[in-house]
Amino acid sequence: MIDIMPESSNNVLGVRFTRRLSPSDYHTVLAPRVESLLTRFATLKVLILIDESFAGWTLSAAWANTVFDVKHRRDFDKIAMVGAPAWEQWCVHTPAALLMRGELRTYGRGQLDEAWAWIHG
């Protein structure tokens, strides 16, 4: 499940990943919000919080995530990934870094305030 965090404002979008993500999370929550924000702002800053309950993606959600990332690879100035497991951090720093235009950083779950400060900076 993808939830929009209440700290989101202007061109800063905070999202929380919980349980297992499905394609509908991308099609009905994340994509509409990002596309709406992009009508007002040239680029966005995104914080992704991986909740303790996060159980990964369905196969079709992983594909939806890939399509989303490719479509929006030039739309993000900054992306902060908070609380990601080691394999997800590798994905952020290696393959995703080759696709994305903006700066990507990972933070431990206990560094949420630091991640917000970086995103707003």
PDB file of N, CA and C in Angstrom:
ATOM      1  N   MET A   1       0.844  -1.163   0.000  1.00  0.00           N
ATOM      2  CA  MET A   1       0.000   0.000   0.000  1.00  0.00           C
ATOM      3  C   MET A   1       0.900   1.240   0.000  1.00  0.00           C
ATOM      4  N   ILE A   2       0.516   2.254  -0.744  1.00  0.00           N
ATOM      5  CA  ILE A   2       1.228   3.527  -0.764  1.00  0.00           C
ATOM      6  C   ILE A   2       0.318   4.586  -0.158  1.00  0.00           C
ATOM      7  N   ASP A   3       0.833   5.268   0.871  1.00  0.00           N
ATOM      8  CA  ASP A   3       0.106   6.357   1.507  1.00  0.00           C
ATOM      9  C   ASP A   3       0.886   7.645   1.304  1.00  0.00           C
ATOM     10  N   ILE A   4       0.171   8.741   1.066  1.00  0.00           N
ATOM     11  CA  ILE A   4       0.786  10.057   0.986  1.00  0.00           C
ATOM     12  C   ILE A   4       0.961  10.570   2.411  1.00  0.00           C
ATOM     13  N   MET A   5       2.160  11.003   2.742  1.00  0.00           N
ATOM     14  CA  MET A   5       2.452  11.466   4.098  1.00  0.00           C
ATOM     15  C   MET A   5       1.957  12.907   4.281  1.00  0.00           C
ATOM     16  N   PRO A   6       1.460  13.233   5.464  1.00  0.00           N
ATOM     17  CA  PRO A   6       0.915  14.574   5.701  1.00  0.00           C
ATOM     18  C   PRO A   6       1.966  15.681   5.628  1.00  0.00           C
ATOM     19  N   GLU A   7       3.241  15.341   5.712  1.00  0.00           N
ATOM     20  CA  GLU A   7       4.308  16.338   5.624  1.00  0.00           C
ATOM     21  C   GLU A   7       4.508  16.847   4.196  1.00  0.00           C
ATOM     22  N   SER A   8       3.832  16.249   3.233  1.00  0.00           N
ATOM     23  CA  SER A   8       3.957  16.659   1.831  1.00  0.00           C
ATOM     24  C   SER A   8       3.409  18.066   1.655  1.00  0.00           C
ATOM     25  N   SER A   9       4.152  18.880   0.902  1.00  0.00           N
ATOM     26  CA  SER A   9       3.683  20.227   0.581  1.00  0.00           C
ATOM     27  C   SER A   9       4.480  20.775  -0.602  1.00  0.00           C
ATOM     28  N   ASN A  10       3.832  21.643  -1.354  1.00  0.00           N
ATOM     29  CA  ASN A  10       4.446  22.242  -2.537  1.00  0.00           C
ATOM     30  C   ASN A  10       5.039  21.153  -3.433  1.00  0.00           C
ATOM     31  N   ASN A  11       6.336  21.244  -3.753  1.00  0.00           N
ATOM     32  CA  ASN A  11       6.941  20.255  -4.647  1.00  0.00           C
ATOM     33  C   ASN A  11       7.614  19.112  -3.883  1.00  0.00           C
ATOM     34  N   VAL A  12       7.307  18.980  -2.606  1.00  0.00           N
ATOM     35  CA  VAL A  12       7.849  17.894  -1.779  1.00  0.00           C
ATOM     36  C   VAL A  12       6.749  16.869  -1.534  1.00  0.00           C
ATOM     37  N   LEU A  13       7.036  15.630  -1.911  1.00  0.00           N
ATOM     38  CA  LEU A  13       6.078  14.546  -1.754  1.00  0.00           C
ATOM     39  C   LEU A  13       6.676  13.468  -0.872  1.00  0.00           C
ATOM     40  N   GLY A  14       5.983  13.156   0.215  1.00  0.00           N
ATOM     41  CA  GLY A  14       6.377  12.058   1.083  1.00  0.00           C
ATOM     42  C   GLY A  14       5.415  10.901   0.899  1.00  0.00           C
ATOM     43  N   VAL A  15       5.958   9.709   0.689  1.00  0.00           N
ATOM     44  CA  VAL A  15       5.116   8.516   0.543  1.00  0.00           C
ATOM     45  C   VAL A  15       5.616   7.423   1.481  1.00  0.00           C
ATOM     46  N   ARG A  16       4.662   6.664   1.996  1.00  0.00           N
ATOM     47  CA  ARG A  16       4.974   5.545   2.895  1.00  0.00           C
ATOM     48  C   ARG A  16       4.552   4.253   2.206  1.00  0.00           C
ATOM     49  N   PHE A  17       5.487   3.307   2.129  1.00  0.00           N
ATOM     50  CA  PHE A  17       5.202   1.982   1.579  1.00  0.00           C
ATOM     51  C   PHE A  17       4.927   1.040   2.743  1.00  0.00           C
ATOM     52  N   THR A  18       3.746   0.408   2.733  1.00  0.00           N
ATOM     53  CA  THR A  18       3.390  -0.559   3.769  1.00  0.00           C
ATOM     54  C   THR A  18       2.896  -1.844   3.098  1.00  0.00           C
ATOM     55  N   ARG A  19       2.950  -2.911   3.828  1.00  0.00           N
ATOM     56  CA  ARG A  19       2.477  -4.220   3.371  1.00  0.00           C
ATOM     57  C   ARG A  19       3.027  -4.548   1.982  1.00  0.00           C
ATOM     58  N   ARG A  20       2.256  -5.190   1.136  1.00  0.00           N
ATOM     59  CA  ARG A  20       2.709  -5.569  -0.205  1.00  0.00           C
ATOM     60  C   ARG A  20       2.095  -4.609  -1.216  1.00  0.00           C
ATOM     61  N   LEU A  21       2.942  -4.052  -2.081  1.00  0.00           N
ATOM     62  CA  LEU A  21       2.464  -3.096  -3.083  1.00  0.00           C
ATOM     63  C   LEU A  21       1.878  -3.823  -4.284  1.00  0.00           C
ATOM     64  N   SER A  22       0.807  -3.229  -4.816  1.00  0.00           N
ATOM     65  CA  SER A  22       0.147  -3.777  -6.001  1.00  0.00           C
ATOM     66  C   SER A  22       0.169  -2.715  -7.102  1.00  0.00           C
ATOM     67  N   PRO A  23      -0.134  -3.097  -8.337  1.00  0.00           N
ATOM     68  CA  PRO A  23      -0.175  -2.101  -9.416  1.00  0.00           C
ATOM     69  C   PRO A  23      -1.155  -0.968  -9.136  1.00  0.00           C
ATOM     70  N   SER A  24      -2.257  -1.268  -8.460  1.00  0.00           N
ATOM     71  CA  SER A  24      -3.238  -0.210  -8.188  1.00  0.00           C
ATOM     72  C   SER A  24      -2.654   0.875  -7.284  1.00  0.00           C
ATOM     73  N   ASP A  25      -1.675   0.540  -6.440  1.00  0.00           N
ATOM     74  CA  ASP A  25      -1.019   1.560  -5.615  1.00  0.00           C
ATOM     75  C   ASP A  25      -0.346   2.610  -6.504  1.00  0.00           C
ATOM     76  N   TYR A  26       0.240   2.158  -7.588  1.00  0.00           N
ATOM     77  CA  TYR A  26       0.893   3.090  -8.516  1.00  0.00           C
ATOM     78  C   TYR A  26      -0.136   3.834  -9.362  1.00  0.00           C
ATOM     79  N   HIS A  27      -1.135   3.100  -9.863  1.00  0.00           N
ATOM     80  CA  HIS A  27      -2.100   3.693 -10.795  1.00  0.00           C
ATOM     81  C   HIS A  27      -3.128   4.603 -10.127  1.00  0.00           C
ATOM     82  N   THR A  28      -3.480   4.328  -8.861  1.00  0.00           N
ATOM     83  CA  THR A  28      -4.532   5.122  -8.221  1.00  0.00           C
ATOM     84  C   THR A  28      -4.033   6.081  -7.141  1.00  0.00           C
ATOM     85  N   VAL A  29      -2.801   5.879  -6.655  1.00  0.00           N
ATOM     86  CA  VAL A  29      -2.285   6.740  -5.588  1.00  0.00           C
ATOM     87  C   VAL A  29      -1.075   7.549  -6.069  1.00  0.00           C
ATOM     88  N   LEU A  30       0.010   6.861  -6.396  1.00  0.00           N
ATOM     89  CA  LEU A  30       1.268   7.558  -6.667  1.00  0.00           C
ATOM     90  C   LEU A  30       1.260   8.329  -7.989  1.00  0.00           C
ATOM     91  N   ALA A  31       0.920   7.683  -9.079  1.00  0.00           N
ATOM     92  CA  ALA A  31       0.965   8.353 -10.386  1.00  0.00           C
ATOM     93  C   ALA A  31       0.045   9.568 -10.449  1.00  0.00           C
ATOM     94  N   PRO A  32      -1.209   9.478 -10.001  1.00  0.00           N
ATOM     95  CA  PRO A  32      -2.057  10.674 -10.060  1.00  0.00           C
ATOM     96  C   PRO A  32      -1.498  11.838  -9.246  1.00  0.00           C
ATOM     97  N   ARG A  33      -0.935  11.562  -8.066  1.00  0.00           N
ATOM     98  CA  ARG A  33      -0.392  12.638  -7.238  1.00  0.00           C
ATOM     99  C   ARG A  33       0.827  13.264  -7.915  1.00  0.00           C
ATOM    100  N   VAL A  34       1.727  12.430  -8.414  1.00  0.00           N
ATOM    101  CA  VAL A  34       2.930  12.954  -9.076  1.00  0.00           C
ATOM    102  C   VAL A  34       2.538  13.765 -10.311  1.00  0.00           C
ATOM    103  N   GLU A  35       1.646  13.237 -11.119  1.00  0.00           N
ATOM    104  CA  GLU A  35       1.250  13.943 -12.338  1.00  0.00           C
ATOM    105  C   GLU A  35       0.531  15.251 -12.022  1.00  0.00           C
ATOM    106  N   SER A  36      -0.263  15.279 -10.967  1.00  0.00           N
ATOM    107  CA  SER A  36      -0.917  16.519 -10.547  1.00  0.00           C
ATOM    108  C   SER A  36       0.117  17.555 -10.107  1.00  0.00           C
ATOM    109  N   LEU A  37       1.094  17.126  -9.316  1.00  0.00           N
ATOM    110  CA  LEU A  37       2.134  18.046  -8.857  1.00  0.00           C
ATOM    111  C   LEU A  37       2.971  18.565 -10.023  1.00  0.00           C
ATOM    112  N   LEU A  38       3.214  17.726 -11.014  1.00  0.00           N
ATOM    113  CA  LEU A  38       4.029  18.143 -12.153  1.00  0.00           C
ATOM    114  C   LEU A  38       3.317  19.155 -13.046  1.00  0.00           C
ATOM    115  N   THR A  39       2.019  19.334 -12.876  1.00  0.00           N
ATOM    116  CA  THR A  39       1.338  20.407 -13.608  1.00  0.00           C
ATOM    117  C   THR A  39       1.638  21.762 -12.974  1.00  0.00           C
ATOM    118  N   ARG A  40       2.109  21.752 -11.715  1.00  0.00           N
ATOM    119  CA  ARG A  40       2.415  23.003 -11.004  1.00  0.00           C
ATOM    120  C   ARG A  40       3.898  23.242 -10.802  1.00  0.00           C
ATOM    121  N   PHE A  41       4.695  22.179 -10.801  1.00  0.00           N
ATOM    122  CA  PHE A  41       6.127  22.292 -10.529  1.00  0.00           C
ATOM    123  C   PHE A  41       6.906  21.556 -11.617  1.00  0.00           C
ATOM    124  N   ALA A  42       8.054  22.109 -11.992  1.00  0.00           N
ATOM    125  CA  ALA A  42       8.880  21.483 -13.039  1.00  0.00           C
ATOM    126  C   ALA A  42       9.480  20.166 -12.560  1.00  0.00           C
ATOM    127  N   THR A  43       9.874  20.117 -11.290  1.00  0.00           N
ATOM    128  CA  THR A  43      10.457  18.906 -10.719  1.00  0.00           C
ATOM    129  C   THR A  43       9.961  18.746  -9.285  1.00  0.00           C
ATOM    130  N   LEU A  44      10.124  17.543  -8.760  1.00  0.00           N
ATOM    131  CA  LEU A  44       9.678  17.224  -7.407  1.00  0.00           C
ATOM    132  C   LEU A  44      10.829  16.703  -6.573  1.00  0.00           C
ATOM    133  N   LYS A  45      10.639  16.766  -5.257  1.00  0.00           N
ATOM    134  CA  LYS A  45      11.527  16.140  -4.290  1.00  0.00           C
ATOM    135  C   LYS A  45      10.679  15.095  -3.564  1.00  0.00           C
ATOM    136  N   VAL A  46      11.174  13.864  -3.505  1.00  0.00           N
ATOM    137  CA  VAL A  46      10.370  12.760  -2.988  1.00  0.00           C
ATOM    138  C   VAL A  46      11.085  12.055  -1.845  1.00  0.00           C
ATOM    139  N   LEU A  47      10.352  11.838  -0.752  1.00  0.00           N
ATOM    140  CA  LEU A  47      10.839  11.024   0.350  1.00  0.00           C
ATOM    141  C   LEU A  47       9.985   9.764   0.385  1.00  0.00           C
ATOM    142  N   ILE A  48      10.643   8.615   0.371  1.00  0.00           N
ATOM    143  CA  ILE A  48       9.954   7.320   0.443  1.00  0.00           C
ATOM    144  C   ILE A  48      10.325   6.666   1.765  1.00  0.00           C
ATOM    145  N   LEU A  49       9.323   6.433   2.591  1.00  0.00           N
ATOM    146  CA  LEU A  49       9.521   5.761   3.872  1.00  0.00           C
ATOM    147  C   LEU A  49       9.065   4.316   3.734  1.00  0.00           C
ATOM    148  N   ILE A  50       9.999   3.404   3.926  1.00  0.00           N
ATOM    149  CA  ILE A  50       9.689   1.976   3.885  1.00  0.00           C
ATOM    150  C   ILE A  50       9.295   1.559   5.303  1.00  0.00           C
ATOM    151  N   ASP A  51       8.018   1.326   5.518  1.00  0.00           N
ATOM    152  CA  ASP A  51       7.480   0.966   6.828  1.00  0.00           C
ATOM    153  C   ASP A  51       7.954  -0.433   7.234  1.00  0.00           C
ATOM    154  N   GLU A  52       7.970  -0.689   8.537  1.00  0.00           N
ATOM    155  CA  GLU A  52       8.365  -2.019   9.032  1.00  0.00           C
ATOM    156  C   GLU A  52       7.482  -3.123   8.478  1.00  0.00           C
ATOM    157  N   SER A  53       6.237  -2.787   8.137  1.00  0.00           N
ATOM    158  CA  SER A  53       5.304  -3.799   7.629  1.00  0.00           C
ATOM    159  C   SER A  53       5.480  -4.078   6.133  1.00  0.00           C
ATOM    160  N   PHE A  54       6.378  -3.351   5.472  1.00  0.00           N
ATOM    161  CA  PHE A  54       6.560  -3.508   4.031  1.00  0.00           C
ATOM    162  C   PHE A  54       6.980  -4.936   3.708  1.00  0.00           C
ATOM    163  N   ALA A  55       6.246  -5.547   2.753  1.00  0.00           N
ATOM    164  CA  ALA A  55       6.518  -6.939   2.375  1.00  0.00           C
ATOM    165  C   ALA A  55       6.883  -7.073   0.897  1.00  0.00           C
ATOM    166  N   GLY A  56       7.243  -5.973   0.241  1.00  0.00           N
ATOM    167  CA  GLY A  56       7.684  -6.039  -1.144  1.00  0.00           C
ATOM    168  C   GLY A  56       6.570  -5.744  -2.134  1.00  0.00           C
ATOM    169  N   TRP A  57       6.813  -6.157  -3.350  1.00  0.00           N
ATOM    170  CA  TRP A  57       5.903  -5.905  -4.460  1.00  0.00           C
ATOM    171  C   TRP A  57       5.360  -7.211  -5.007  1.00  0.00           C
ATOM    172  N   THR A  58       4.144  -7.162  -5.543  1.00  0.00           N
ATOM    173  CA  THR A  58       3.714  -8.271  -6.386  1.00  0.00           C
ATOM    174  C   THR A  58       4.542  -8.140  -7.664  1.00  0.00           C
ATOM    175  N   LEU A  59       4.603  -9.174  -8.470  1.00  0.00           N
ATOM    176  CA  LEU A  59       5.376  -9.117  -9.708  1.00  0.00           C
ATOM    177  C   LEU A  59       4.871  -8.003 -10.617  1.00  0.00           C
ATOM    178  N   SER A  60       3.567  -7.874 -10.727  1.00  0.00           N
ATOM    179  CA  SER A  60       3.013  -6.827 -11.583  1.00  0.00           C
ATOM    180  C   SER A  60       3.248  -5.436 -10.993  1.00  0.00           C
ATOM    181  N   ALA A  61       3.323  -5.317  -9.678  1.00  0.00           N
ATOM    182  CA  ALA A  61       3.640  -4.026  -9.054  1.00  0.00           C
ATOM    183  C   ALA A  61       5.099  -3.663  -9.291  1.00  0.00           C
ATOM    184  N   ALA A  62       5.990  -4.650  -9.288  1.00  0.00           N
ATOM    185  CA  ALA A  62       7.399  -4.375  -9.592  1.00  0.00           C
ATOM    186  C   ALA A  62       7.525  -3.816 -11.007  1.00  0.00           C
ATOM    187  N   TRP A  63       6.747  -4.366 -11.933  1.00  0.00           N
ATOM    188  CA  TRP A  63       6.754  -3.846 -13.295  1.00  0.00           C
ATOM    189  C   TRP A  63       6.175  -2.430 -13.331  1.00  0.00           C
ATOM    190  N   ALA A  64       5.079  -2.193 -12.618  1.00  0.00           N
ATOM    191  CA  ALA A  64       4.481  -0.854 -12.552  1.00  0.00           C
ATOM    192  C   ALA A  64       5.484   0.145 -11.981  1.00  0.00           C
ATOM    193  N   ASN A  65       6.262  -0.275 -10.985  1.00  0.00           N
ATOM    194  CA  ASN A  65       7.298   0.572 -10.406  1.00  0.00           C
ATOM    195  C   ASN A  65       8.362   0.911 -11.448  1.00  0.00           C
ATOM    196  N   THR A  66       8.785  -0.073 -12.214  1.00  0.00           N
ATOM    197  CA  THR A  66       9.794   0.154 -13.252  1.00  0.00           C
ATOM    198  C   THR A  66       9.284   1.125 -14.311  1.00  0.00           C
ATOM    199  N   VAL A  67       8.067   0.921 -14.778  1.00  0.00           N
ATOM    200  CA  VAL A  67       7.468   1.810 -15.778  1.00  0.00           C
ATOM    201  C   VAL A  67       7.357   3.223 -15.222  1.00  0.00           C
ATOM    202  N   PHE A  68       6.922   3.343 -13.975  1.00  0.00           N
ATOM    203  CA  PHE A  68       6.807   4.652 -13.318  1.00  0.00           C
ATOM    204  C   PHE A  68       8.169   5.340 -13.253  1.00  0.00           C
ATOM    205  N   ASP A  69       9.193   4.602 -12.813  1.00  0.00           N
ATOM    206  CA  ASP A  69      10.540   5.173 -12.692  1.00  0.00           C
ATOM    207  C   ASP A  69      11.076   5.660 -14.035  1.00  0.00           C
ATOM    208  N   VAL A  70      10.880   4.883 -15.078  1.00  0.00           N
ATOM    209  CA  VAL A  70      11.372   5.278 -16.400  1.00  0.00           C
ATOM    210  C   VAL A  70      10.613   6.509 -16.904  1.00  0.00           C
ATOM    211  N   LYS A  71       9.318   6.518 -16.739  1.00  0.00           N
ATOM    212  CA  LYS A  71       8.508   7.639 -17.200  1.00  0.00           C
ATOM    213  C   LYS A  71       8.896   8.941 -16.507  1.00  0.00           C
ATOM    214  N   HIS A  72       9.226   8.857 -15.219  1.00  0.00           N
ATOM    215  CA  HIS A  72       9.485  10.058 -14.426  1.00  0.00           C
ATOM    216  C   HIS A  72      10.971  10.239 -14.095  1.00  0.00           C
ATOM    217  N   ARG A  73      11.854   9.634 -14.849  1.00  0.00           N
ATOM    218  CA  ARG A  73      13.284   9.661 -14.523  1.00  0.00           C
ATOM    219  C   ARG A  73      13.891  11.057 -14.518  1.00  0.00           C
ATOM    220  N   ARG A  74      13.262  12.015 -15.173  1.00  0.00           N
ATOM    221  CA  ARG A  74      13.789  13.387 -15.195  1.00  0.00           C
ATOM    222  C   ARG A  74      12.939  14.357 -14.365  1.00  0.00           C
ATOM    223  N   ASP A  75      11.974  13.844 -13.637  1.00  0.00           N
ATOM    224  CA  ASP A  75      11.033  14.697 -12.912  1.00  0.00           C
ATOM    225  C   ASP A  75      11.382  14.919 -11.443  1.00  0.00           C
ATOM    226  N   PHE A  76      12.424  14.253 -10.950  1.00  0.00           N
ATOM    227  CA  PHE A  76      12.751  14.339  -9.532  1.00  0.00           C
ATOM    228  C   PHE A  76      14.132  14.949  -9.320  1.00  0.00           C
ATOM    229  N   ASP A  77      14.186  16.021  -8.508  1.00  0.00           N
ATOM    230  CA  ASP A  77      15.475  16.628  -8.145  1.00  0.00           C
ATOM    231  C   ASP A  77      16.182  15.811  -7.074  1.00  0.00           C
ATOM    232  N   LYS A  78      15.389  15.339  -6.108  1.00  0.00           N
ATOM    233  CA  LYS A  78      15.937  14.575  -4.990  1.00  0.00           C
ATOM    234  C   LYS A  78      14.988  13.433  -4.656  1.00  0.00           C
ATOM    235  N   ILE A  79      15.586  12.310  -4.288  1.00  0.00           N
ATOM    236  CA  ILE A  79      14.811  11.186  -3.766  1.00  0.00           C
ATOM    237  C   ILE A  79      15.543  10.669  -2.534  1.00  0.00           C
ATOM    238  N   ALA A  80      14.834  10.629  -1.413  1.00  0.00           N
ATOM    239  CA  ALA A  80      15.368  10.059  -0.176  1.00  0.00           C
ATOM    240  C   ALA A  80      14.599   8.776   0.121  1.00  0.00           C
ATOM    241  N   MET A  81      15.324   7.699   0.303  1.00  0.00           N
ATOM    242  CA  MET A  81      14.729   6.408   0.640  1.00  0.00           C
ATOM    243  C   MET A  81      15.076   6.134   2.103  1.00  0.00           C
ATOM    244  N   VAL A  82      14.055   6.018   2.948  1.00  0.00           N
ATOM    245  CA  VAL A  82      14.255   5.859   4.391  1.00  0.00           C
ATOM    246  C   VAL A  82      13.799   4.465   4.818  1.00  0.00           C
ATOM    247  N   GLY A  83      14.680   3.760   5.509  1.00  0.00           N
ATOM    248  CA  GLY A  83      14.321   2.467   6.073  1.00  0.00           C
ATOM    249  C   GLY A  83      14.354   1.313   5.097  1.00  0.00           C
ATOM    250  N   ALA A  84      15.043   1.489   3.994  1.00  0.00           N
ATOM    251  CA  ALA A  84      15.083   0.432   2.973  1.00  0.00           C
ATOM    252  C   ALA A  84      16.017  -0.694   3.405  1.00  0.00           C
ATOM    253  N   PRO A  85      15.647  -1.945   3.090  1.00  0.00           N
ATOM    254  CA  PRO A  85      16.575  -3.048   3.344  1.00  0.00           C
ATOM    255  C   PRO A  85      17.799  -2.905   2.437  1.00  0.00           C
ATOM    256  N   ALA A  86      18.851  -3.638   2.744  1.00  0.00           N
ATOM    257  CA  ALA A  86      20.117  -3.515   2.007  1.00  0.00           C
ATOM    258  C   ALA A  86      19.944  -3.727   0.505  1.00  0.00           C
ATOM    259  N   TRP A  87      19.127  -4.697   0.092  1.00  0.00           N
ATOM    260  CA  TRP A  87      18.971  -4.952  -1.348  1.00  0.00           C
ATOM    261  C   TRP A  87      18.316  -3.769  -2.048  1.00  0.00           C
ATOM    262  N   GLU A  88      17.382  -3.089  -1.362  1.00  0.00           N
ATOM    263  CA  GLU A  88      16.723  -1.934  -1.959  1.00  0.00           C
ATOM    264  C   GLU A  88      17.688  -0.754  -2.039  1.00  0.00           C
ATOM    265  N   GLN A  89      18.551  -0.620  -1.036  1.00  0.00           N
ATOM    266  CA  GLN A  89      19.562   0.429  -1.093  1.00  0.00           C
ATOM    267  C   GLN A  89      20.485   0.209  -2.291  1.00  0.00           C
ATOM    268  N   TRP A  90      20.856  -1.047  -2.548  1.00  0.00           N
ATOM    269  CA  TRP A  90      21.687  -1.350  -3.719  1.00  0.00           C
ATOM    270  C   TRP A  90      20.968  -0.913  -4.995  1.00  0.00           C
ATOM    271  N   CYS A  91      19.659  -1.205  -5.086  1.00  0.00           N
ATOM    272  CA  CYS A  91      18.883  -0.803  -6.268  1.00  0.00           C
ATOM    273  C   CYS A  91      18.862   0.711  -6.430  1.00  0.00           C
ATOM    274  N   VAL A  92      18.765   1.431  -5.320  1.00  0.00           N
ATOM    275  CA  VAL A  92      18.735   2.893  -5.375  1.00  0.00           C
ATOM    276  C   VAL A  92      20.071   3.424  -5.873  1.00  0.00           C
ATOM    277  N   HIS A  93      21.160   2.851  -5.406  1.00  0.00           N
ATOM    278  CA  HIS A  93      22.474   3.392  -5.733  1.00  0.00           C
ATOM    279  C   HIS A  93      23.049   2.876  -7.041  1.00  0.00           C
ATOM    280  N   THR A  94      22.552   1.790  -7.566  1.00  0.00           N
ATOM    281  CA  THR A  94      23.155   1.244  -8.771  1.00  0.00           C
ATOM    282  C   THR A  94      22.236   1.406  -9.976  1.00  0.00           C
ATOM    283  N   PRO A  95      21.282   0.492 -10.226  1.00  0.00           N
ATOM    284  CA  PRO A  95      20.471   0.642 -11.444  1.00  0.00           C
ATOM    285  C   PRO A  95      19.655   1.929 -11.489  1.00  0.00           C
ATOM    286  N   ALA A  96      19.018   2.291 -10.372  1.00  0.00           N
ATOM    287  CA  ALA A  96      18.172   3.486 -10.371  1.00  0.00           C
ATOM    288  C   ALA A  96      19.000   4.740 -10.614  1.00  0.00           C
ATOM    289  N   ALA A  97      20.213   4.771 -10.065  1.00  0.00           N
ATOM    290  CA  ALA A  97      21.071   5.944 -10.247  1.00  0.00           C
ATOM    291  C   ALA A  97      21.413   6.159 -11.715  1.00  0.00           C
ATOM    292  N   LEU A  98      21.448   5.090 -12.488  1.00  0.00           N
ATOM    293  CA  LEU A  98      21.736   5.219 -13.916  1.00  0.00           C
ATOM    294  C   LEU A  98      20.543   5.788 -14.676  1.00  0.00           C
ATOM    295  N   LEU A  99      19.341   5.564 -14.171  1.00  0.00           N
ATOM    296  CA  LEU A  99      18.133   6.032 -14.834  1.00  0.00           C
ATOM    297  C   LEU A  99      17.704   7.428 -14.401  1.00  0.00           C
ATOM    298  N   MET A 100      17.857   7.732 -13.133  1.00  0.00           N
ATOM    299  CA  MET A 100      17.290   8.955 -12.572  1.00  0.00           C
ATOM    300  C   MET A 100      18.231  10.143 -12.761  1.00  0.00           C
ATOM    301  N   ARG A 101      17.649  11.293 -13.022  1.00  0.00           N
ATOM    302  CA  ARG A 101      18.423  12.521 -13.180  1.00  0.00           C
ATOM    303  C   ARG A 101      18.833  13.111 -11.837  1.00  0.00           C
ATOM    304  N   GLY A 102      17.955  13.055 -10.859  1.00  0.00           N
ATOM    305  CA  GLY A 102      18.185  13.706  -9.573  1.00  0.00           C
ATOM    306  C   GLY A 102      19.107  12.935  -8.661  1.00  0.00           C
ATOM    307  N   GLU A 103      19.361  13.545  -7.512  1.00  0.00           N
ATOM    308  CA  GLU A 103      20.223  12.940  -6.509  1.00  0.00           C
ATOM    309  C   GLU A 103      19.423  11.969  -5.652  1.00  0.00           C
ATOM    310  N   LEU A 104      20.016  10.803  -5.385  1.00  0.00           N
ATOM    311  CA  LEU A 104      19.365   9.774  -4.576  1.00  0.00           C
ATOM    312  C   LEU A 104      20.191   9.532  -3.321  1.00  0.00           C
ATOM    313  N   ARG A 105      19.507   9.450  -2.183  1.00  0.00           N
ATOM    314  CA  ARG A 105      20.181   9.124  -0.920  1.00  0.00           C
ATOM    315  C   ARG A 105      19.336   8.128  -0.143  1.00  0.00           C
ATOM    316  N   THR A 106      20.018   7.299   0.641  1.00  0.00           N
ATOM    317  CA  THR A 106      19.328   6.355   1.513  1.00  0.00           C
ATOM    318  C   THR A 106      19.621   6.710   2.965  1.00  0.00           C
ATOM    319  N   TYR A 107      18.631   6.445   3.812  1.00  0.00           N
ATOM    320  CA  TYR A 107      18.729   6.742   5.240  1.00  0.00           C
ATOM    321  C   TYR A 107      18.174   5.570   6.026  1.00  0.00           C
ATOM    322  N   GLY A 108      18.720   5.351   7.218  1.00  0.00           N
ATOM    323  CA  GLY A 108      18.163   4.356   8.120  1.00  0.00           C
ATOM    324  C   GLY A 108      16.830   4.831   8.673  1.00  0.00           C
ATOM    325  N   ARG A 109      16.033   3.919   9.172  1.00  0.00           N
ATOM    326  CA  ARG A 109      14.707   4.256   9.694  1.00  0.00           C
ATOM    327  C   ARG A 109      14.787   5.320  10.795  1.00  0.00           C
ATOM    328  N   GLY A 110      15.831   5.307  11.583  1.00  0.00           N
ATOM    329  CA  GLY A 110      16.002   6.278  12.650  1.00  0.00           C
ATOM    330  C   GLY A 110      16.465   7.651  12.169  1.00  0.00           C
ATOM    331  N   GLN A 111      16.645   7.815  10.861  1.00  0.00           N
ATOM    332  CA  GLN A 111      17.135   9.073  10.294  1.00  0.00           C
ATOM    333  C   GLN A 111      16.058   9.821   9.498  1.00  0.00           C
ATOM    334  N   LEU A 112      14.806   9.608   9.846  1.00  0.00           N
ATOM    335  CA  LEU A 112      13.709  10.234   9.105  1.00  0.00           C
ATOM    336  C   LEU A 112      13.801  11.762   9.141  1.00  0.00           C
ATOM    337  N   ASP A 113      14.087  12.333  10.313  1.00  0.00           N
ATOM    338  CA  ASP A 113      14.190  13.795  10.408  1.00  0.00           C
ATOM    339  C   ASP A 113      15.325  14.317   9.530  1.00  0.00           C
ATOM    340  N   GLU A 114      16.434  13.620   9.514  1.00  0.00           N
ATOM    341  CA  GLU A 114      17.579  14.010   8.672  1.00  0.00           C
ATOM    342  C   GLU A 114      17.206  13.947   7.189  1.00  0.00           C
ATOM    343  N   ALA A 115      16.455  12.922   6.807  1.00  0.00           N
ATOM    344  CA  ALA A 115      16.018  12.782   5.416  1.00  0.00           C
ATOM    345  C   ALA A 115      15.084  13.925   5.022  1.00  0.00           C
ATOM    346  N   TRP A 116      14.147  14.280   5.901  1.00  0.00           N
ATOM    347  CA  TRP A 116      13.263  15.411   5.620  1.00  0.00           C
ATOM    348  C   TRP A 116      14.059  16.707   5.463  1.00  0.00           C
ATOM    349  N   ALA A 117      15.044  16.893   6.339  1.00  0.00           N
ATOM    350  CA  ALA A 117      15.861  18.110   6.261  1.00  0.00           C
ATOM    351  C   ALA A 117      16.598  18.173   4.927  1.00  0.00           C
ATOM    352  N   TRP A 118      17.137  17.051   4.477  1.00  0.00           N
ATOM    353  CA  TRP A 118      17.840  17.029   3.185  1.00  0.00           C
ATOM    354  C   TRP A 118      16.874  17.314   2.031  1.00  0.00           C
ATOM    355  N   ILE A 119      15.705  16.687   2.066  1.00  0.00           N
ATOM    356  CA  ILE A 119      14.714  16.886   0.999  1.00  0.00           C
ATOM    357  C   ILE A 119      14.304  18.357   0.915  1.00  0.00           C
ATOM    358  N   HIS A 120      14.125  18.991   2.060  1.00  0.00           N
ATOM    359  CA  HIS A 120      13.694  20.402   2.068  1.00  0.00           C
ATOM    360  C   HIS A 120      14.836  21.366   1.741  1.00  0.00           C
ATOM    361  N   GLY A 121      16.070  20.903   1.876  1.00  0.00           N
ATOM    362  CA  GLY A 121      17.233  21.779   1.644  1.00  0.00           C
ATOM    363  C   GLY A 121      17.501  22.093   0.197  1.00  0.00           C
TER     364      GLY A 121
END
